[in-house]
Full PDB file with SEQRES, HELIX, SHEET, SSBOND, CRYST1, ORIGX, SCALE, CONECT and MASTER records, all heavy atoms in Angstrom:
SEQRES   1 A   41  GLU SER LEU PRO PRO PRO ASP ASN LEU ARG LEU THR LEU          
SEQRES   2 A   41  GLU ALA LEU LEU LEU VAL ALA GLU SER PRO PRO THR ILE          
SEQRES   3 A   41  ARG MET LEU ALA ARG VAL THR GLY VAL PRO ASP ALA ALA          
SEQRES   4 A   41  VAL GLU                                                      
HELIX    1 AA1 LEU A    9  VAL A   19  1                                  11    
HELIX    2 AA2 ILE A   26  THR A   33  1                                   8    
HELIX    3 AA3 ASP A   37  VAL A   40  1                                   4    
CRYST1    1.000    1.000    1.000  90.00  90.00  90.00 P 1           1          
ORIGX1      1.000000  0.000000  0.000000        0.00000                         
ORIGX2      0.000000  1.000000  0.000000        0.00000                         
ORIGX3      0.000000  0.000000  1.000000        0.00000                         
SCALE1      1.000000  0.000000  0.000000        0.00000                         
SCALE2      0.000000  1.000000  0.000000        0.00000                         
SCALE3      0.000000  0.000000  1.000000        0.00000                         
ATOM      1  N   GLU A   1     168.616 113.572  63.617  1.00  0.00           N  
ATOM      2  CA  GLU A   1     167.630 114.476  64.202  1.00  0.00           C  
ATOM      3  C   GLU A   1     167.349 113.913  65.673  1.00  0.00           C  
ATOM      4  O   GLU A   1     167.124 112.658  65.842  1.00  0.00           O  
ATOM      5  CB  GLU A   1     166.379 114.389  63.340  1.00  0.00           C  
ATOM      6  CG  GLU A   1     165.370 115.255  63.885  1.00  0.00           C  
ATOM      7  CD  GLU A   1     164.147 115.212  62.965  1.00  0.00           C  
ATOM      8  OE1 GLU A   1     164.190 115.028  61.799  1.00  0.00           O  
ATOM      9  OE2 GLU A   1     162.928 115.272  63.542  1.00  0.00           O  
ATOM     10  N   SER A   2     167.327 114.873  66.551  1.00  0.00           N  
ATOM     11  CA  SER A   2     166.982 114.542  67.963  1.00  0.00           C  
ATOM     12  C   SER A   2     165.478 114.114  68.106  1.00  0.00           C  
ATOM     13  O   SER A   2     164.715 114.835  67.512  1.00  0.00           O  
ATOM     14  CB  SER A   2     167.352 115.677  68.836  1.00  0.00           C  
ATOM     15  OG  SER A   2     167.100 115.430  70.190  1.00  0.00           O  
ATOM     16  N   LEU A   3     165.265 113.104  68.752  1.00  0.00           N  
ATOM     17  CA  LEU A   3     163.992 112.529  69.003  1.00  0.00           C  
ATOM     18  C   LEU A   3     163.564 113.003  70.423  1.00  0.00           C  
ATOM     19  O   LEU A   3     164.389 112.926  71.428  1.00  0.00           O  
ATOM     20  CB  LEU A   3     163.890 111.046  68.879  1.00  0.00           C  
ATOM     21  CG  LEU A   3     164.027 110.493  67.518  1.00  0.00           C  
ATOM     22  CD1 LEU A   3     164.155 108.922  67.578  1.00  0.00           C  
ATOM     23  CD2 LEU A   3     162.864 110.856  66.657  1.00  0.00           C  
ATOM     24  N   PRO A   4     162.234 113.298  70.685  1.00  0.00           N  
ATOM     25  CA  PRO A   4     161.849 113.503  71.997  1.00  0.00           C  
ATOM     26  C   PRO A   4     161.721 112.155  72.801  1.00  0.00           C  
ATOM     27  O   PRO A   4     161.680 111.158  72.165  1.00  0.00           O  
ATOM     28  CB  PRO A   4     160.476 114.128  71.732  1.00  0.00           C  
ATOM     29  CG  PRO A   4     159.894 113.582  70.465  1.00  0.00           C  
ATOM     30  CD  PRO A   4     161.204 113.380  69.600  1.00  0.00           C  
ATOM     31  N   PRO A   5     161.836 112.226  74.037  1.00  0.00           N  
ATOM     32  CA  PRO A   5     161.500 110.915  74.825  1.00  0.00           C  
ATOM     33  C   PRO A   5     160.222 110.401  74.444  1.00  0.00           C  
ATOM     34  O   PRO A   5     159.285 111.027  74.089  1.00  0.00           O  
ATOM     35  CB  PRO A   5     161.583 111.332  76.344  1.00  0.00           C  
ATOM     36  CG  PRO A   5     162.326 112.790  76.312  1.00  0.00           C  
ATOM     37  CD  PRO A   5     161.976 113.381  74.884  1.00  0.00           C  
ATOM     38  N   PRO A   6     160.168 109.036  74.481  1.00  0.00           N  
ATOM     39  CA  PRO A   6     159.010 108.361  74.094  1.00  0.00           C  
ATOM     40  C   PRO A   6     157.842 108.619  75.162  1.00  0.00           C  
ATOM     41  O   PRO A   6     158.060 108.785  76.247  1.00  0.00           O  
ATOM     42  CB  PRO A   6     159.300 106.839  74.139  1.00  0.00           C  
ATOM     43  CG  PRO A   6     160.549 106.815  74.902  1.00  0.00           C  
ATOM     44  CD  PRO A   6     161.225 108.132  74.901  1.00  0.00           C  
ATOM     45  N   ASP A   7     156.564 108.687  74.587  1.00  0.00           N  
ATOM     46  CA  ASP A   7     155.405 108.779  75.378  1.00  0.00           C  
ATOM     47  C   ASP A   7     155.199 107.547  76.250  1.00  0.00           C  
ATOM     48  O   ASP A   7     154.767 107.821  77.409  1.00  0.00           O  
ATOM     49  CB  ASP A   7     154.236 109.096  74.494  1.00  0.00           C  
ATOM     50  CG  ASP A   7     154.181 110.476  73.782  1.00  0.00           C  
ATOM     51  OD1 ASP A   7     154.918 111.283  74.306  1.00  0.00           O  
ATOM     52  OD2 ASP A   7     153.645 110.535  72.720  1.00  0.00           O  
ATOM     53  N   ASN A   8     155.481 106.390  75.720  1.00  0.00           N  
ATOM     54  CA  ASN A   8     155.306 105.174  76.476  1.00  0.00           C  
ATOM     55  C   ASN A   8     156.570 104.480  76.524  1.00  0.00           C  
ATOM     56  O   ASN A   8     156.977 103.802  75.561  1.00  0.00           O  
ATOM     57  CB  ASN A   8     154.206 104.295  75.752  1.00  0.00           C  
ATOM     58  CG  ASN A   8     153.894 103.142  76.502  1.00  0.00           C  
ATOM     59  OD1 ASN A   8     154.666 102.588  77.284  1.00  0.00           O  
ATOM     60  ND2 ASN A   8     152.721 102.571  76.330  1.00  0.00           N  
ATOM     61  N   LEU A   9     157.358 104.697  77.603  1.00  0.00           N  
ATOM     62  CA  LEU A   9     158.638 104.152  77.646  1.00  0.00           C  
ATOM     63  C   LEU A   9     158.759 102.640  77.710  1.00  0.00           C  
ATOM     64  O   LEU A   9     159.476 102.060  77.112  1.00  0.00           O  
ATOM     65  CB  LEU A   9     159.388 104.714  78.905  1.00  0.00           C  
ATOM     66  CG  LEU A   9     160.824 104.309  79.166  1.00  0.00           C  
ATOM     67  CD1 LEU A   9     161.667 104.730  77.908  1.00  0.00           C  
ATOM     68  CD2 LEU A   9     161.344 105.034  80.432  1.00  0.00           C  
ATOM     69  N   ARG A  10     157.689 102.021  78.431  1.00  0.00           N  
ATOM     70  CA  ARG A  10     157.639 100.586  78.438  1.00  0.00           C  
ATOM     71  C   ARG A  10     157.575  99.931  77.149  1.00  0.00           C  
ATOM     72  O   ARG A  10     158.280  99.018  76.653  1.00  0.00           O  
ATOM     73  CB  ARG A  10     156.486 100.096  79.423  1.00  0.00           C  
ATOM     74  CG  ARG A  10     156.503  98.633  79.563  1.00  0.00           C  
ATOM     75  CD  ARG A  10     155.429  98.137  80.524  1.00  0.00           C  
ATOM     76  NE  ARG A  10     155.299  96.648  80.408  1.00  0.00           N  
ATOM     77  CZ  ARG A  10     155.115  95.939  81.446  1.00  0.00           C  
ATOM     78  NH1 ARG A  10     154.951  96.449  82.650  1.00  0.00           N  
ATOM     79  NH2 ARG A  10     154.959  94.629  81.338  1.00  0.00           N  
ATOM     80  N   LEU A  11     156.597 100.489  76.374  1.00  0.00           N  
ATOM     81  CA  LEU A  11     156.374 100.006  75.016  1.00  0.00           C  
ATOM     82  C   LEU A  11     157.679 100.082  74.142  1.00  0.00           C  
ATOM     83  O   LEU A  11     158.031  99.215  73.372  1.00  0.00           O  
ATOM     84  CB  LEU A  11     155.268 100.679  74.358  1.00  0.00           C  
ATOM     85  CG  LEU A  11     154.883 100.492  72.810  1.00  0.00           C  
ATOM     86  CD1 LEU A  11     153.365 100.410  72.686  1.00  0.00           C  
ATOM     87  CD2 LEU A  11     155.525 101.314  71.838  1.00  0.00           C  
ATOM     88  N   THR A  12     158.172 101.339  74.256  1.00  0.00           N  
ATOM     89  CA  THR A  12     159.527 101.487  73.514  1.00  0.00           C  
ATOM     90  C   THR A  12     160.589 100.631  73.895  1.00  0.00           C  
ATOM     91  O   THR A  12     161.273  99.984  72.999  1.00  0.00           O  
ATOM     92  CB  THR A  12     159.894 103.007  73.662  1.00  0.00           C  
ATOM     93  OG1 THR A  12     158.905 103.861  73.273  1.00  0.00           O  
ATOM     94  CG2 THR A  12     161.096 103.334  72.799  1.00  0.00           C  
ATOM     95  N   LEU A  13     160.821 100.348  75.233  1.00  0.00           N  
ATOM     96  CA  LEU A  13     161.878  99.484  75.670  1.00  0.00           C  
ATOM     97  C   LEU A  13     161.617  98.057  75.269  1.00  0.00           C  
ATOM     98  O   LEU A  13     162.529  97.377  74.839  1.00  0.00           O  
ATOM     99  CB  LEU A  13     161.976  99.653  77.146  1.00  0.00           C  
ATOM    100  CG  LEU A  13     162.613 100.922  77.703  1.00  0.00           C  
ATOM    101  CD1 LEU A  13     162.557 101.001  79.247  1.00  0.00           C  
ATOM    102  CD2 LEU A  13     163.956 101.236  77.141  1.00  0.00           C  
ATOM    103  N   GLU A  14     160.364  97.643  75.279  1.00  0.00           N  
ATOM    104  CA  GLU A  14     160.155  96.271  74.898  1.00  0.00           C  
ATOM    105  C   GLU A  14     160.471  96.117  73.322  1.00  0.00           C  
ATOM    106  O   GLU A  14     160.984  95.067  72.984  1.00  0.00           O  
ATOM    107  CB  GLU A  14     158.619  95.924  75.065  1.00  0.00           C  
ATOM    108  CG  GLU A  14     158.299  95.667  76.493  1.00  0.00           C  
ATOM    109  CD  GLU A  14     156.714  95.533  76.679  1.00  0.00           C  
ATOM    110  OE1 GLU A  14     155.993  95.926  75.796  1.00  0.00           O  
ATOM    111  OE2 GLU A  14     156.330  94.862  77.731  1.00  0.00           O  
ATOM    112  N   ALA A  15     159.997  97.182  72.581  1.00  0.00           N  
ATOM    113  CA  ALA A  15     160.345  97.013  71.149  1.00  0.00           C  
ATOM    114  C   ALA A  15     161.833  97.027  70.861  1.00  0.00           C  
ATOM    115  O   ALA A  15     162.327  96.284  70.081  1.00  0.00           O  
ATOM    116  CB  ALA A  15     159.719  98.268  70.425  1.00  0.00           C  
ATOM    117  N   LEU A  16     162.638  97.832  71.639  1.00  0.00           N  
ATOM    118  CA  LEU A  16     164.117  97.914  71.393  1.00  0.00           C  
ATOM    119  C   LEU A  16     164.708  96.604  71.791  1.00  0.00           C  
ATOM    120  O   LEU A  16     165.638  96.117  71.178  1.00  0.00           O  
ATOM    121  CB  LEU A  16     164.634  99.136  72.315  1.00  0.00           C  
ATOM    122  CG  LEU A  16     164.302 100.497  71.876  1.00  0.00           C  
ATOM    123  CD1 LEU A  16     164.850 101.523  72.839  1.00  0.00           C  
ATOM    124  CD2 LEU A  16     164.926 100.701  70.418  1.00  0.00           C  
ATOM    125  N   LEU A  17     164.189  95.993  72.910  1.00  0.00           N  
ATOM    126  CA  LEU A  17     164.778  94.719  73.366  1.00  0.00           C  
ATOM    127  C   LEU A  17     164.522  93.576  72.349  1.00  0.00           C  
ATOM    128  O   LEU A  17     165.233  92.746  72.160  1.00  0.00           O  
ATOM    129  CB  LEU A  17     164.308  94.398  74.747  1.00  0.00           C  
ATOM    130  CG  LEU A  17     164.819  95.166  75.786  1.00  0.00           C  
ATOM    131  CD1 LEU A  17     164.004  94.946  77.230  1.00  0.00           C  
ATOM    132  CD2 LEU A  17     166.279  94.881  76.087  1.00  0.00           C  
ATOM    133  N   LEU A  18     163.265  93.684  71.708  1.00  0.00           N  
ATOM    134  CA  LEU A  18     162.928  92.722  70.780  1.00  0.00           C  
ATOM    135  C   LEU A  18     163.840  92.835  69.589  1.00  0.00           C  
ATOM    136  O   LEU A  18     164.056  91.768  68.878  1.00  0.00           O  
ATOM    137  CB  LEU A  18     161.445  92.958  70.427  1.00  0.00           C  
ATOM    138  CG  LEU A  18     160.813  91.852  69.402  1.00  0.00           C  
ATOM    139  CD1 LEU A  18     160.799  90.537  70.061  1.00  0.00           C  
ATOM    140  CD2 LEU A  18     159.441  92.245  69.035  1.00  0.00           C  
ATOM    141  N   VAL A  19     164.166  93.898  69.064  1.00  0.00           N  
ATOM    142  CA  VAL A  19     164.840  94.118  67.743  1.00  0.00           C  
ATOM    143  C   VAL A  19     166.337  94.164  67.907  1.00  0.00           C  
ATOM    144  O   VAL A  19     167.131  94.160  66.916  1.00  0.00           O  
ATOM    145  CB  VAL A  19     164.326  95.291  66.894  1.00  0.00           C  
ATOM    146  CG1 VAL A  19     162.784  95.123  66.660  1.00  0.00           C  
ATOM    147  CG2 VAL A  19     164.673  96.531  67.617  1.00  0.00           C  
ATOM    148  N   ALA A  20     166.782  94.332  69.108  1.00  0.00           N  
ATOM    149  CA  ALA A  20     168.255  94.587  69.309  1.00  0.00           C  
ATOM    150  C   ALA A  20     168.962  93.293  68.787  1.00  0.00           C  
ATOM    151  O   ALA A  20     168.794  92.107  69.092  1.00  0.00           O  
ATOM    152  CB  ALA A  20     168.575  94.719  70.828  1.00  0.00           C  
ATOM    153  N   GLU A  21     170.038  93.638  67.957  1.00  0.00           N  
ATOM    154  CA  GLU A  21     170.955  92.565  67.498  1.00  0.00           C  
ATOM    155  C   GLU A  21     171.700  91.863  68.485  1.00  0.00           C  
ATOM    156  O   GLU A  21     171.887  90.617  68.353  1.00  0.00           O  
ATOM    157  CB  GLU A  21     172.045  93.291  66.545  1.00  0.00           C  
ATOM    158  CG  GLU A  21     171.943  92.748  65.133  1.00  0.00           C  
ATOM    159  CD  GLU A  21     172.980  93.388  64.256  1.00  0.00           C  
ATOM    160  OE1 GLU A  21     174.086  93.020  64.246  1.00  0.00           O  
ATOM    161  OE2 GLU A  21     172.395  94.327  63.482  1.00  0.00           O  
ATOM    162  N   SER A  22     172.191  92.477  69.579  1.00  0.00           N  
ATOM    163  CA  SER A  22     172.763  91.872  70.728  1.00  0.00           C  
ATOM    164  C   SER A  22     172.229  92.571  72.050  1.00  0.00           C  
ATOM    165  O   SER A  22     171.771  93.701  71.932  1.00  0.00           O  
ATOM    166  CB  SER A  22     174.341  92.054  70.723  1.00  0.00           C  
ATOM    167  OG  SER A  22     174.638  93.392  70.710  1.00  0.00           O  
ATOM    168  N   PRO A  23     172.209  91.846  73.083  1.00  0.00           N  
ATOM    169  CA  PRO A  23     171.478  92.384  74.320  1.00  0.00           C  
ATOM    170  C   PRO A  23     172.178  93.785  74.689  1.00  0.00           C  
ATOM    171  O   PRO A  23     173.359  93.901  74.962  1.00  0.00           O  
ATOM    172  CB  PRO A  23     171.854  91.302  75.287  1.00  0.00           C  
ATOM    173  CG  PRO A  23     172.017  90.113  74.609  1.00  0.00           C  
ATOM    174  CD  PRO A  23     172.747  90.436  73.338  1.00  0.00           C  
ATOM    175  N   PRO A  24     171.318  94.753  74.803  1.00  0.00           N  
ATOM    176  CA  PRO A  24     171.837  96.135  75.224  1.00  0.00           C  
ATOM    177  C   PRO A  24     171.925  96.296  76.767  1.00  0.00           C  
ATOM    178  O   PRO A  24     171.429  95.456  77.444  1.00  0.00           O  
ATOM    179  CB  PRO A  24     170.689  97.038  74.619  1.00  0.00           C  
ATOM    180  CG  PRO A  24     169.514  96.186  74.751  1.00  0.00           C  
ATOM    181  CD  PRO A  24     169.872  94.735  74.397  1.00  0.00           C  
ATOM    182  N   THR A  25     172.524  97.290  77.147  1.00  0.00           N  
ATOM    183  CA  THR A  25     172.633  97.694  78.615  1.00  0.00           C  
ATOM    184  C   THR A  25     171.577  98.732  78.846  1.00  0.00           C  
ATOM    185  O   THR A  25     171.016  99.331  78.001  1.00  0.00           O  
ATOM    186  CB  THR A  25     174.059  98.226  78.924  1.00  0.00           C  
ATOM    187  OG1 THR A  25     174.251  99.496  78.163  1.00  0.00           O  
ATOM    188  CG2 THR A  25     175.086  97.203  78.596  1.00  0.00           C  
ATOM    189  N   ILE A  26     171.443  98.929  80.184  1.00  0.00           N  
ATOM    190  CA  ILE A  26     170.554 100.155  80.569  1.00  0.00           C  
ATOM    191  C   ILE A  26     171.125 101.413  79.991  1.00  0.00           C  
ATOM    192  O   ILE A  26     170.163 102.206  79.486  1.00  0.00           O  
ATOM    193  CB  ILE A  26     170.540 100.252  82.163  1.00  0.00           C  
ATOM    194  CG1 ILE A  26     169.912  98.980  82.816  1.00  0.00           C  
ATOM    195  CG2 ILE A  26     169.849 101.503  82.710  1.00  0.00           C  
ATOM    196  CD1 ILE A  26     168.402  98.752  82.766  1.00  0.00           C  
ATOM    197  N   ARG A  27     172.342 101.677  80.083  1.00  0.00           N  
ATOM    198  CA  ARG A  27     172.969 102.892  79.584  1.00  0.00           C  
ATOM    199  C   ARG A  27     172.569 103.053  78.081  1.00  0.00           C  
ATOM    200  O   ARG A  27     172.211 104.174  77.575  1.00  0.00           O  
ATOM    201  CB  ARG A  27     174.340 103.049  79.839  1.00  0.00           C  
ATOM    202  CG  ARG A  27     174.973 104.223  79.197  1.00  0.00           C  
ATOM    203  CD  ARG A  27     176.219 104.718  79.793  1.00  0.00           C  
ATOM    204  NE  ARG A  27     175.825 105.281  81.057  1.00  0.00           N  
ATOM    205  CZ  ARG A  27     176.574 105.261  82.124  1.00  0.00           C  
ATOM    206  NH1 ARG A  27     177.660 104.631  82.251  1.00  0.00           N  
ATOM    207  NH2 ARG A  27     176.114 105.729  83.279  1.00  0.00           N  
ATOM    208  N   MET A  28     172.749 102.027  77.324  1.00  0.00           N  
ATOM    209  CA  MET A  28     172.389 102.036  75.832  1.00  0.00           C  
ATOM    210  C   MET A  28     170.944 102.422  75.585  1.00  0.00           C  
ATOM    211  O   MET A  28     170.573 103.270  74.791  1.00  0.00           O  
ATOM    212  CB  MET A  28     172.771 100.753  75.188  1.00  0.00           C  
ATOM    213  CG  MET A  28     174.238 100.514  75.161  1.00  0.00           C  
ATOM    214  SD  MET A  28     174.505  98.658  74.653  1.00  0.00           S  
ATOM    215  CE  MET A  28     174.403  98.686  72.862  1.00  0.00           C  
ATOM    216  N   LEU A  29     170.108 101.879  76.310  1.00  0.00           N  
ATOM    217  CA  LEU A  29     168.719 102.046  76.218  1.00  0.00           C  
ATOM    218  C   LEU A  29     168.343 103.479  76.613  1.00  0.00           C  
ATOM    219  O   LEU A  29     167.478 104.184  76.003  1.00  0.00           O  
ATOM    220  CB  LEU A  29     167.884 100.991  77.081  1.00  0.00           C  
ATOM    221  CG  LEU A  29     167.914  99.625  76.430  1.00  0.00           C  
ATOM    222  CD1 LEU A  29     167.233  98.754  77.541  1.00  0.00           C  
ATOM    223  CD2 LEU A  29     167.342  99.452  75.130  1.00  0.00           C  
ATOM    224  N   ALA A  30     168.876 103.948  77.669  1.00  0.00           N  
ATOM    225  CA  ALA A  30     168.750 105.347  78.062  1.00  0.00           C  
ATOM    226  C   ALA A  30     169.164 106.413  76.976  1.00  0.00           C  
ATOM    227  O   ALA A  30     168.507 107.387  76.729  1.00  0.00           O  
ATOM    228  CB  ALA A  30     169.439 105.580  79.427  1.00  0.00           C  
ATOM    229  N   ARG A  31     170.315 106.116  76.393  1.00  0.00           N  
ATOM    230  CA  ARG A  31     170.914 106.953  75.329  1.00  0.00           C  
ATOM    231  C   ARG A  31     170.010 106.927  74.198  1.00  0.00           C  
ATOM    232  O   ARG A  31     169.607 107.990  73.661  1.00  0.00           O  
ATOM    233  CB  ARG A  31     172.386 106.526  74.977  1.00  0.00           C  
ATOM    234  CG  ARG A  31     173.011 107.486  74.087  1.00  0.00           C  
ATOM    235  CD  ARG A  31     174.498 107.121  73.680  1.00  0.00           C  
ATOM    236  NE  ARG A  31     174.341 105.844  72.732  1.00  0.00           N  
ATOM    237  CZ  ARG A  31     174.855 104.746  72.921  1.00  0.00           C  
ATOM    238  NH1 ARG A  31     175.346 104.346  74.065  1.00  0.00           N  
ATOM    239  NH2 ARG A  31     174.555 103.822  72.077  1.00  0.00           N  
ATOM    240  N   VAL A  32     169.515 105.872  73.743  1.00  0.00           N  
ATOM    241  CA  VAL A  32     168.647 105.730  72.515  1.00  0.00           C  
ATOM    242  C   VAL A  32     167.316 106.488  72.859  1.00  0.00           C  
ATOM    243  O   VAL A  32     166.753 107.128  71.872  1.00  0.00           O  
ATOM    244  CB  VAL A  32     168.372 104.288  72.172  1.00  0.00           C  
ATOM    245  CG1 VAL A  32     167.289 104.156  71.103  1.00  0.00           C  
ATOM    246  CG2 VAL A  32     169.650 103.645  71.702  1.00  0.00           C  
ATOM    247  N   THR A  33     166.769 106.309  74.039  1.00  0.00           N  
ATOM    248  CA  THR A  33     165.414 106.918  74.290  1.00  0.00           C  
ATOM    249  C   THR A  33     165.489 108.284  74.821  1.00  0.00           C  
ATOM    250  O   THR A  33     164.545 109.004  74.817  1.00  0.00           O  
ATOM    251  CB  THR A  33     164.692 106.024  75.397  1.00  0.00           C  
ATOM    252  OG1 THR A  33     165.502 105.928  76.490  1.00  0.00           O  
ATOM    253  CG2 THR A  33     164.318 104.633  74.846  1.00  0.00           C  
ATOM    254  N   GLY A  34     166.647 108.718  75.150  1.00  0.00           N  
ATOM    255  CA  GLY A  34     166.832 110.054  75.714  1.00  0.00           C  
ATOM    256  C   GLY A  34     166.306 110.327  77.047  1.00  0.00           C  
ATOM    257  O   GLY A  34     165.879 111.394  77.327  1.00  0.00           O  
ATOM    258  N   VAL A  35     166.183 109.216  77.836  1.00  0.00           N  
ATOM    259  CA  VAL A  35     165.683 109.412  79.204  1.00  0.00           C  
ATOM    260  C   VAL A  35     166.813 108.921  80.221  1.00  0.00           C  
ATOM    261  O   VAL A  35     167.750 108.252  79.845  1.00  0.00           O  
ATOM    262  CB  VAL A  35     164.470 108.595  79.530  1.00  0.00           C  
ATOM    263  CG1 VAL A  35     163.291 108.936  78.603  1.00  0.00           C  
ATOM    264  CG2 VAL A  35     164.727 106.983  79.271  1.00  0.00           C  
ATOM    265  N   PRO A  36     166.732 109.391  81.439  1.00  0.00           N  
ATOM    266  CA  PRO A  36     167.732 108.955  82.430  1.00  0.00           C  
ATOM    267  C   PRO A  36     167.898 107.518  82.660  1.00  0.00           C  
ATOM    268  O   PRO A  36     166.815 106.756  82.560  1.00  0.00           O  
ATOM    269  CB  PRO A  36     167.387 109.761  83.731  1.00  0.00           C  
ATOM    270  CG  PRO A  36     166.342 110.800  83.357  1.00  0.00           C  
ATOM    271  CD  PRO A  36     165.651 110.262  82.049  1.00  0.00           C  
ATOM    272  N   ASP A  37     169.042 107.016  83.027  1.00  0.00           N  
ATOM    273  CA  ASP A  37     169.207 105.656  83.352  1.00  0.00           C  
ATOM    274  C   ASP A  37     168.238 105.159  84.336  1.00  0.00           C  
ATOM    275  O   ASP A  37     167.701 103.992  84.291  1.00  0.00           O  
ATOM    276  CB  ASP A  37     170.645 105.312  83.865  1.00  0.00           C  
ATOM    277  CG  ASP A  37     171.781 105.544  82.834  1.00  0.00           C  
ATOM    278  OD1 ASP A  37     171.484 106.050  81.741  1.00  0.00           O  
ATOM    279  OD2 ASP A  37     172.927 105.194  83.202  1.00  0.00           O  
ATOM    280  N   ALA A  38     167.978 105.974  85.411  1.00  0.00           N  
ATOM    281  CA  ALA A  38     167.110 105.521  86.549  1.00  0.00           C  
ATOM    282  C   ALA A  38     165.682 105.311  85.923  1.00  0.00           C  
ATOM    283  O   ALA A  38     164.930 104.419  86.441  1.00  0.00           O  
ATOM    284  CB  ALA A  38     167.023 106.675  87.648  1.00  0.00           C  
ATOM    285  N   ALA A  39     165.230 105.924  84.961  1.00  0.00           N  
ATOM    286  CA  ALA A  39     163.865 105.801  84.453  1.00  0.00           C  
ATOM    287  C   ALA A  39     163.803 104.501  83.624  1.00  0.00           C  
ATOM    288  O   ALA A  39     162.873 103.775  83.780  1.00  0.00           O  
ATOM    289  CB  ALA A  39     163.515 106.973  83.464  1.00  0.00           C  
ATOM    290  N   VAL A  40     164.945 104.196  82.887  1.00  0.00           N  
ATOM    291  CA  VAL A  40     164.968 102.977  82.181  1.00  0.00           C  
ATOM    292  C   VAL A  40     164.930 101.837  83.184  1.00  0.00           C  
ATOM    293  O   VAL A  40     164.256 100.852  83.107  1.00  0.00           O  
ATOM    294  CB  VAL A  40     166.167 102.851  81.257  1.00  0.00           C  
ATOM    295  CG1 VAL A  40     166.452 101.540  80.660  1.00  0.00           C  
ATOM    296  CG2 VAL A  40     166.074 104.000  80.161  1.00  0.00           C  
ATOM    297  N   GLU A  41     165.778 101.941  84.277  1.00  0.00           N  
ATOM    298  CA  GLU A  41     165.967 100.915  85.272  1.00  0.00           C  
ATOM    299  C   GLU A  41     164.647 100.568  85.933  1.00  0.00           C  
ATOM    300  O   GLU A  41     164.258  99.478  86.212  1.00  0.00           O  
ATOM    301  CB  GLU A  41     166.987 101.233  86.261  1.00  0.00           C  
ATOM    302  CG  GLU A  41     167.165 100.221  87.478  1.00  0.00           C  
ATOM    303  CD  GLU A  41     167.640  98.873  86.997  1.00  0.00           C  
ATOM    304  OE1 GLU A  41     168.576  98.729  86.232  1.00  0.00           O  
ATOM    305  OE2 GLU A  41     166.902  97.817  87.339  1.00  0.00           O  
TER     306      GLU A  41                                                      
MASTER        0    0    0    3    0    0    0    6  305    1    0    4          
END                                                                             
């Protein structure tokens, strides 16, 4: 199921970085959150 982009991108990115099994890339985080790479960067 497609998720909408998060309301609070910073909170979501912090959570993703905390639980990631291995260090992700900007592109991976953008894909998971559904926001452009530039917004994640």
